[in-house]
Protein backbone atom coordinates (compact mmCIF):
# COMPACT_ATOMS: atom_id res chain seq x y z
CA MET A 1 22.03 29.85 -34.13
CA PRO A 2 22.33 33.49 -33.06
CA GLN A 3 20.01 34.84 -30.39
CA ASP A 4 18.59 37.58 -32.63
CA LYS A 5 17.15 35.03 -35.07
CA LEU A 6 15.23 33.12 -32.43
CA LYS A 7 11.52 33.82 -32.32
CA GLU A 8 9.63 34.30 -29.13
CA ILE A 9 6.58 32.07 -28.96
CA LYS A 10 3.78 32.88 -26.58
CA VAL A 11 1.17 30.26 -25.81
CA ASP A 12 -2.10 31.18 -24.18
CA PHE A 13 -2.99 28.36 -21.82
CA ASP A 14 -6.10 30.05 -20.46
CA GLY A 15 -8.35 28.31 -22.95
CA ILE A 16 -6.62 24.94 -22.50
CA VAL A 17 -5.92 24.75 -18.79
CA GLY A 18 -8.68 25.68 -16.41
CA GLU A 19 -9.77 24.82 -12.95
CA PRO A 20 -9.63 21.09 -12.30
CA ASP A 21 -12.99 19.42 -11.98
CA PHE A 22 -11.72 16.88 -9.47
CA ASN A 23 -12.98 16.06 -6.01
CA MET A 24 -10.23 14.23 -4.11
CA PRO A 25 -12.36 12.90 -1.21
CA LYS A 26 -14.92 11.54 -3.66
CA ALA A 27 -12.15 9.99 -5.79
CA LYS A 28 -10.67 8.29 -2.71
CA ILE A 29 -14.01 6.76 -1.82
CA GLU A 30 -14.62 5.63 -5.41
CA LEU A 31 -11.20 3.99 -5.67
CA ALA A 32 -11.55 2.29 -2.30
CA LYS A 33 -15.02 1.11 -3.31
CA TYR A 34 -13.75 -0.49 -6.50
CA VAL A 35 -10.77 -2.17 -4.82
CA LEU A 36 -12.88 -3.52 -1.97
CA ALA A 37 -15.55 -4.73 -4.42
CA ALA A 38 -12.90 -6.57 -6.43
CA LEU A 39 -11.52 -8.20 -3.29
CA PHE A 40 -15.01 -9.15 -2.16
CA SER A 41 -15.79 -10.73 -5.55
CA LEU A 42 -12.51 -12.64 -5.39
CA VAL A 43 -13.40 -14.01 -1.96
CA VAL A 44 -16.90 -14.95 -3.15
CA LEU A 45 -15.39 -16.72 -6.17
CA LEU A 46 -12.99 -18.64 -3.95
CA PHE A 47 -15.81 -19.54 -1.60
CA ALA A 48 -17.87 -20.83 -4.53
CA CYS A 49 -14.88 -22.82 -5.76
CA SER A 50 -14.63 -24.51 -2.36
CA PHE A 51 -17.73 -26.51 -3.28
CA ILE A 52 -15.95 -28.21 -6.19
CA PRO A 53 -15.37 -31.91 -5.44
CA ASP A 54 -11.93 -32.68 -4.06
CA CYS A 55 -11.01 -34.90 -6.99
CA PHE A 56 -10.86 -31.80 -9.24
CA VAL A 57 -8.85 -29.60 -6.88
CA THR A 58 -5.07 -29.80 -6.74
CA GLU A 59 -2.90 -29.07 -3.75
CA ARG A 60 -1.56 -26.01 -5.53
CA ALA A 61 -5.08 -24.55 -5.89
CA LYS A 62 -5.76 -25.15 -2.19
CA LYS A 63 -2.55 -23.35 -1.25
CA LEU A 64 -3.43 -20.43 -3.54
CA SER A 65 -6.88 -20.00 -2.03
CA GLU A 66 -5.42 -20.15 1.50
CA ASN A 67 -2.90 -17.44 0.61
CA ILE A 68 -5.61 -15.22 -0.85
CA TYR A 69 -7.81 -15.64 2.23
CA GLN A 70 -4.88 -14.75 4.49
CA SER A 71 -3.95 -11.67 2.47
CA VAL A 72 -7.43 -10.15 2.20
CA VAL A 73 -7.56 -8.77 5.75
CA PRO A 74 -4.22 -6.92 5.57
CA ILE A 75 -5.04 -5.50 2.15
CA VAL A 76 -8.47 -4.28 3.27
CA SER A 77 -7.06 -2.73 6.43
CA MET A 78 -4.31 -1.04 4.40
CA ILE A 79 -6.86 0.41 1.98
CA LEU A 80 -9.11 1.65 4.74
CA GLY A 81 -6.19 3.10 6.67
CA TYR A 82 -4.66 4.84 3.68
CA TYR A 83 -7.75 6.29 2.07
CA PHE A 84 -9.71 7.15 5.18
CA ALA A 85 -6.97 8.26 7.56
CA LYS A 86 -7.13 11.84 8.72
CA ASP A 87 -5.22 14.13 6.41
């Protein structure tokens, strides 16, 4: 197609794109809050499941709960270090 037949299209983005209404420090705290709340609820659920009689708990479930307990501290420290480290 020859260059002289091409049409120039101008798009006005001023009405579409504006200033972002986004607060990064607040978003970091919100995300960290949700992740830590989910981890806390998981630990509470595992703690509540520890009261189930042993005849209903398999060895695989015990190993899973041990692994989750061991991984909570590194995950929490990673979240706190990443989101609340000095920029």
